[in-house]
């Protein structure tokens, strides 16, 4: 029987707890696990004897190493960067923060479904509130003048929540639990994106501002909760949005819009199929 240990973190005036399986049969894949929240998430899972893979750019390096994956944690991201497009011609914040994780999760689904009960955790942000009023303006994603750098970020974080909703619906009955979260306002390298957008003059303000932010150790708690807490299964928590520390949050109306979630899925699927073909989606419900 797996044992539960409690991970303690000194959080300024308070102590918060996260229940983490101490079980060497558990396998996790974490994107963006080399620094910030991802690094702390990897570290704590390893401390509890989980087998953890930090996702690489080579599909073979990730998917051929293990037959079971209980935790898929989509953590990697960029924030408020100057407008650029990916090699596939997609606006970079939408491409990195949403579409990359969309494809990664689709490729991982056969393994995650076979490993159930399992979890998919998508790291979003309270910045989803800063998305345009329409939510996701699909026809303007690649227009460099349509949105500010932070609006583009908010749009991508809204996409994380909507993707979670639609994915969980499609995985109904598979015993895979999909949830999203806001980790808090954290002192990480993500803030460097503002320098690329506004210039080096903003560095002193970021230096002062980040000194009041949560540490990565604090920020990682909510995604560790979503990935490992037995409460997720005990309370049958599906397609929820969490905030620090492991509490249910209240996303915007657009973030609960199931029609918009379906539109986002269809739009994302079309982009992927144009590059990789229809077979990618054969194992999706």
Protein backbone atom coordinates (compact mmCIF):
# COMPACT_ATOMS: atom_id res chain seq x y z
CA UNK A 1 0.00 0.00 0.00
CA UNK A 2 1.35 3.46 -0.83
CA UNK A 3 2.09 5.67 2.15
CA UNK A 4 1.33 9.38 2.34
CA UNK A 5 3.89 11.88 3.53
CA UNK A 6 3.27 15.53 4.16
CA UNK A 7 5.41 18.14 2.42
CA UNK A 8 5.84 21.13 4.71
CA UNK A 9 6.80 24.57 3.47
CA UNK A 10 7.31 27.64 5.70
CA UNK A 11 4.95 30.15 4.07
CA UNK A 12 5.72 33.41 5.83
CA UNK A 13 3.25 33.41 8.76
CA UNK A 14 1.56 30.07 8.07
CA UNK A 15 2.22 26.41 7.32
CA UNK A 16 0.44 24.72 4.46
CA UNK A 17 0.40 21.03 3.69
CA UNK A 18 0.37 18.96 0.55
CA UNK A 19 -0.25 15.22 0.66
CA UNK A 20 2.14 13.47 -1.70
CA UNK A 21 2.20 9.77 -2.45
CA UNK A 22 5.37 8.06 -1.33
CA UNK A 23 5.11 5.29 -3.91
CA UNK A 24 7.82 4.19 -6.31
CA UNK A 25 5.22 2.94 -8.81
CA UNK A 26 4.05 6.49 -9.64
CA UNK A 27 5.36 8.15 -12.80
CA UNK A 28 5.12 11.86 -13.66
CA UNK A 29 6.01 13.93 -16.70
CA UNK A 30 6.58 17.63 -16.08
CA UNK A 31 7.09 20.22 -18.80
CA UNK A 32 9.39 23.11 -17.94
CA UNK A 33 10.93 21.15 -15.08
CA UNK A 34 14.40 22.67 -15.26
CA UNK A 35 13.64 25.87 -13.31
CA UNK A 36 11.03 27.77 -11.31
CA UNK A 37 7.79 26.03 -10.37
CA UNK A 38 8.58 23.04 -12.57
CA UNK A 39 11.90 22.41 -10.85
CA UNK A 40 10.31 22.50 -7.39
CA UNK A 41 7.50 20.22 -8.58
CA UNK A 42 10.03 17.71 -9.92
CA UNK A 43 12.12 17.94 -6.76
CA UNK A 44 9.22 17.26 -4.41
CA UNK A 45 7.88 14.36 -6.46
CA UNK A 46 11.34 12.80 -6.55
CA UNK A 47 11.66 13.23 -2.80
CA UNK A 48 8.55 11.08 -2.46
CA UNK A 49 10.06 8.36 -4.69
CA UNK A 50 8.02 9.07 -7.81
CA UNK A 51 9.71 8.45 -11.15
CA UNK A 52 9.80 11.84 -12.85
CA UNK A 53 10.58 12.72 -16.45
CA UNK A 54 11.29 16.29 -17.48
CA UNK A 55 9.72 16.56 -20.93
CA UNK A 56 12.22 17.03 -23.74
CA UNK A 57 11.74 18.17 -27.31
CA UNK A 58 12.28 14.62 -28.54
CA UNK A 59 9.07 12.58 -28.42
CA UNK A 60 11.05 9.30 -28.34
CA UNK A 61 12.99 10.38 -25.26
CA UNK A 62 9.76 10.85 -23.33
CA UNK A 63 7.28 8.27 -24.53
CA UNK A 64 9.43 5.16 -24.90
CA UNK A 65 10.86 5.19 -21.40
CA UNK A 66 7.86 4.09 -19.39
CA UNK A 67 4.57 2.31 -19.95
CA UNK A 68 2.76 4.16 -17.16
CA UNK A 69 2.24 7.85 -16.46
CA UNK A 70 -0.04 8.84 -13.59
CA UNK A 71 0.74 12.59 -13.53
CA UNK A 72 1.00 14.81 -16.60
CA UNK A 73 1.88 18.33 -15.44
CA UNK A 74 1.86 21.03 -18.13
CA UNK A 75 3.96 23.68 -16.45
CA UNK A 76 6.21 25.26 -19.11
CA UNK A 77 5.43 28.71 -20.40
CA UNK A 78 6.42 32.24 -21.35
CA UNK A 79 4.85 35.52 -20.25
CA UNK A 80 4.23 38.92 -21.85
CA UNK A 81 7.00 38.54 -24.40
CA UNK A 82 7.42 40.80 -27.41
CA UNK A 83 5.40 39.61 -30.41
CA UNK A 84 6.99 36.74 -32.29
CA UNK A 85 5.78 33.64 -34.08
CA UNK A 86 6.89 30.04 -33.68
CA UNK A 87 8.54 28.04 -36.45
CA UNK A 88 5.03 26.95 -37.43
CA UNK A 89 3.89 30.55 -37.81
CA UNK A 90 1.78 30.76 -34.62
CA UNK A 91 1.90 33.66 -32.19
CA UNK A 92 4.45 32.54 -29.63
CA UNK A 93 2.57 32.88 -26.33
CA UNK A 94 -0.43 31.01 -27.70
CA UNK A 95 1.87 28.46 -29.32
CA UNK A 96 4.07 27.79 -26.29
CA UNK A 97 1.55 28.16 -23.48
CA UNK A 98 -1.40 26.41 -25.11
CA UNK A 99 -0.81 24.68 -28.42
CA UNK A 100 2.42 22.95 -27.39
CA UNK A 101 0.73 21.50 -24.31
CA UNK A 102 -2.35 20.62 -26.33
CA UNK A 103 -0.26 18.49 -28.70
CA UNK A 104 1.93 17.09 -25.92
CA UNK A 105 -1.13 15.96 -23.97
CA UNK A 106 -2.78 14.41 -27.04
CA UNK A 107 0.35 12.36 -27.71
CA UNK A 108 0.50 11.29 -24.07
CA UNK A 109 -3.18 10.34 -23.75
CA UNK A 110 -2.95 6.63 -24.63
CA UNK A 111 -0.42 6.16 -21.81
CA UNK A 112 -2.27 8.32 -19.29
CA UNK A 113 -5.59 6.60 -20.00
CA UNK A 114 -3.97 3.18 -19.63
CA UNK A 115 -2.48 4.30 -16.28
CA UNK A 116 -5.76 5.45 -14.72
CA UNK A 117 -6.54 6.64 -12.16
CA UNK A 118 -4.34 9.45 -13.40
CA UNK A 119 -4.17 13.24 -13.54
CA UNK A 120 -3.57 15.98 -16.11
CA UNK A 121 -2.70 19.31 -14.53
CA UNK A 122 -2.61 22.50 -16.60
CA UNK A 123 -0.94 25.53 -15.06
CA UNK A 124 -2.97 28.61 -15.96
CA UNK A 125 -2.99 32.00 -14.23
CA UNK A 126 -5.25 34.67 -12.77
CA UNK A 127 -4.03 36.62 -15.80
CA UNK A 128 -6.70 34.79 -17.81
CA UNK A 129 -8.89 37.64 -16.54
CA UNK A 130 -6.91 39.98 -18.82
CA UNK A 131 -7.87 38.17 -22.02
CA UNK A 132 -9.87 40.25 -24.53
CA UNK A 133 -13.60 40.63 -23.74
CA UNK A 134 -14.45 38.11 -26.45
CA UNK A 135 -12.17 35.57 -24.79
CA UNK A 136 -10.02 34.17 -27.57
CA UNK A 137 -10.02 36.13 -30.80
CA UNK A 138 -8.96 33.37 -33.15
CA UNK A 139 -8.89 35.57 -36.23
CA UNK A 140 -6.53 38.07 -34.55
CA UNK A 141 -4.04 35.72 -32.86
CA UNK A 142 -1.32 36.51 -35.39
CA UNK A 143 -2.03 40.23 -35.61
CA UNK A 144 0.83 41.97 -33.76
CA UNK A 145 -1.28 45.11 -33.27
CA UNK A 146 -4.47 43.45 -32.00
CA UNK A 147 -3.44 42.84 -28.40
CA UNK A 148 -0.88 43.97 -25.86
CA UNK A 149 1.79 41.54 -24.71
CA UNK A 150 -0.11 40.93 -21.48
CA UNK A 151 -3.42 40.44 -23.30
CA UNK A 152 -1.72 37.79 -25.42
CA UNK A 153 -0.54 36.14 -22.23
CA UNK A 154 -4.04 36.33 -20.71
CA UNK A 155 -5.50 34.80 -23.85
CA UNK A 156 -3.08 31.87 -23.64
CA UNK A 157 -3.86 31.33 -19.95
CA UNK A 158 -7.58 31.39 -20.71
CA UNK A 159 -6.85 28.73 -23.31
CA UNK A 160 -5.28 26.54 -20.58
CA UNK A 161 -8.53 26.55 -18.60
CA UNK A 162 -10.77 26.01 -21.62
CA UNK A 163 -8.57 23.16 -22.85
CA UNK A 164 -8.91 21.53 -19.43
CA UNK A 165 -12.71 21.75 -19.58
CA UNK A 166 -13.02 20.24 -23.06
CA UNK A 167 -10.36 17.59 -22.45
CA UNK A 168 -12.06 16.43 -19.26
CA UNK A 169 -15.37 16.20 -21.10
CA UNK A 170 -13.80 14.05 -23.81
CA UNK A 171 -12.18 11.80 -21.19
CA UNK A 172 -15.41 11.26 -19.27
CA UNK A 173 -15.56 7.77 -17.81
CA UNK A 174 -11.83 7.09 -18.19
CA UNK A 175 -10.88 7.89 -14.57
CA UNK A 176 -8.51 10.62 -15.74
CA UNK A 177 -8.83 13.81 -13.68
CA UNK A 178 -8.13 17.06 -15.55
CA UNK A 179 -7.78 20.30 -13.61
CA UNK A 180 -6.20 23.73 -14.04
CA UNK A 181 -4.83 26.24 -11.56
CA UNK A 182 -3.38 29.63 -10.77
CA UNK A 183 -0.18 29.06 -8.76
CA UNK A 184 -0.01 32.57 -7.33
CA UNK A 185 2.15 35.53 -8.31
CA UNK A 186 5.58 33.93 -8.21
CA UNK A 187 9.15 35.20 -8.42
CA UNK A 188 10.44 33.28 -11.46
CA UNK A 189 12.23 33.91 -14.73
CA UNK A 190 8.87 34.41 -16.45
CA UNK A 191 9.07 38.09 -15.57
CA UNK A 192 11.94 38.48 -18.04
CA UNK A 193 9.28 38.56 -20.74
CA UNK A 194 8.36 42.10 -19.69
CA UNK A 195 11.90 43.22 -20.48
CA UNK A 196 11.59 41.93 -24.04
CA UNK A 197 8.29 43.80 -24.43
CA UNK A 198 9.00 47.09 -22.64
CA UNK A 199 12.77 47.34 -22.50
CA UNK A 200 15.48 47.32 -19.84
CA UNK A 201 14.08 50.43 -18.09
CA UNK A 202 11.54 48.16 -16.40
CA UNK A 203 14.19 46.03 -14.65
CA UNK A 204 14.39 48.13 -11.43
CA UNK A 205 10.62 47.98 -11.03
CA UNK A 206 10.62 44.21 -11.56
CA UNK A 207 13.43 43.84 -9.02
CA UNK A 208 11.37 45.66 -6.41
CA UNK A 209 8.09 43.99 -7.35
CA UNK A 210 9.40 40.44 -7.34
CA UNK A 211 10.74 40.86 -3.80
CA UNK A 212 7.12 40.82 -2.59
CA UNK A 213 6.08 37.75 -4.60
CA UNK A 214 5.71 34.14 -3.54
CA UNK A 215 8.70 31.84 -3.86
CA UNK A 216 8.70 28.92 -6.33
CA UNK A 217 8.40 26.59 -3.31
CA UNK A 218 5.17 28.30 -2.37
CA UNK A 219 3.91 28.47 -5.93
CA UNK A 220 4.43 24.78 -6.59
CA UNK A 221 2.10 23.72 -3.80
CA UNK A 222 -1.16 24.02 -5.73
CA UNK A 223 0.04 22.00 -8.73
CA UNK A 224 1.44 19.36 -6.38
CA UNK A 225 -1.96 19.27 -4.71
CA UNK A 226 -3.77 18.83 -8.04
CA UNK A 227 -1.35 16.12 -9.14
CA UNK A 228 -1.11 14.06 -5.97
CA UNK A 229 -3.75 14.81 -3.36
CA UNK A 230 -6.17 11.94 -2.70
CA UNK A 231 -8.90 14.57 -2.32
CA UNK A 232 -9.05 14.97 -6.11
CA UNK A 233 -10.39 11.43 -6.47
CA UNK A 234 -12.25 11.31 -3.16
CA UNK A 235 -14.24 14.44 -4.06
CA UNK A 236 -14.39 13.58 -7.77
CA UNK A 237 -12.90 16.93 -8.76
CA UNK A 238 -12.96 17.27 -12.55
CA UNK A 239 -12.37 20.34 -14.75
CA UNK A 240 -11.91 22.59 -11.72
CA UNK A 241 -9.82 25.74 -11.40
CA UNK A 242 -7.69 25.93 -8.27
CA UNK A 243 -5.91 28.82 -6.55
CA UNK A 244 -3.36 28.85 -3.69
CA UNK A 245 -3.17 26.72 -1.78
CA UNK A 246 -5.27 23.92 -3.24
CA UNK A 247 -8.53 25.88 -2.97
CA UNK A 248 -11.26 26.04 -5.59
CA UNK A 249 -11.13 29.34 -7.45
CA UNK A 250 -13.63 31.38 -9.44
CA UNK A 251 -12.55 31.82 -13.06
CA UNK A 252 -14.16 34.36 -15.37
CA UNK A 253 -17.37 33.69 -17.26
CA UNK A 254 -15.35 33.19 -20.45
CA UNK A 255 -13.26 30.55 -18.67
CA UNK A 256 -16.47 28.58 -18.01
CA UNK A 257 -17.78 28.95 -21.56
CA UNK A 258 -18.14 25.40 -22.87
CA UNK A 259 -18.92 26.59 -26.40
CA UNK A 260 -15.69 28.61 -26.45
CA UNK A 261 -13.83 25.57 -25.09
CA UNK A 262 -15.16 23.50 -27.99
CA UNK A 263 -14.17 26.22 -30.49
CA UNK A 264 -10.66 26.28 -29.03
CA UNK A 265 -10.35 22.51 -29.32
CA UNK A 266 -11.52 22.52 -32.94
CA UNK A 267 -9.19 25.39 -33.80
CA UNK A 268 -6.21 23.69 -32.10
CA UNK A 269 -7.00 20.33 -33.68
CA UNK A 270 -7.15 21.91 -37.13
CA UNK A 271 -3.72 23.53 -36.66
CA UNK A 272 -2.16 20.27 -35.49
CA UNK A 273 -3.71 18.21 -38.28
CA UNK A 274 -2.36 20.65 -40.86
CA UNK A 275 1.14 19.89 -39.61
CA UNK A 276 0.96 16.26 -38.46
CA UNK A 277 -2.11 14.66 -40.04
CA UNK A 278 -5.31 13.13 -38.66
CA UNK A 279 -3.78 10.09 -36.96
CA UNK A 280 -2.63 12.15 -33.96
CA UNK A 281 -6.21 12.20 -32.63
CA UNK A 282 -7.05 8.51 -32.98
CA UNK A 283 -6.84 7.91 -29.22
CA UNK A 284 -8.90 10.89 -28.07
CA UNK A 285 -12.43 10.34 -26.83
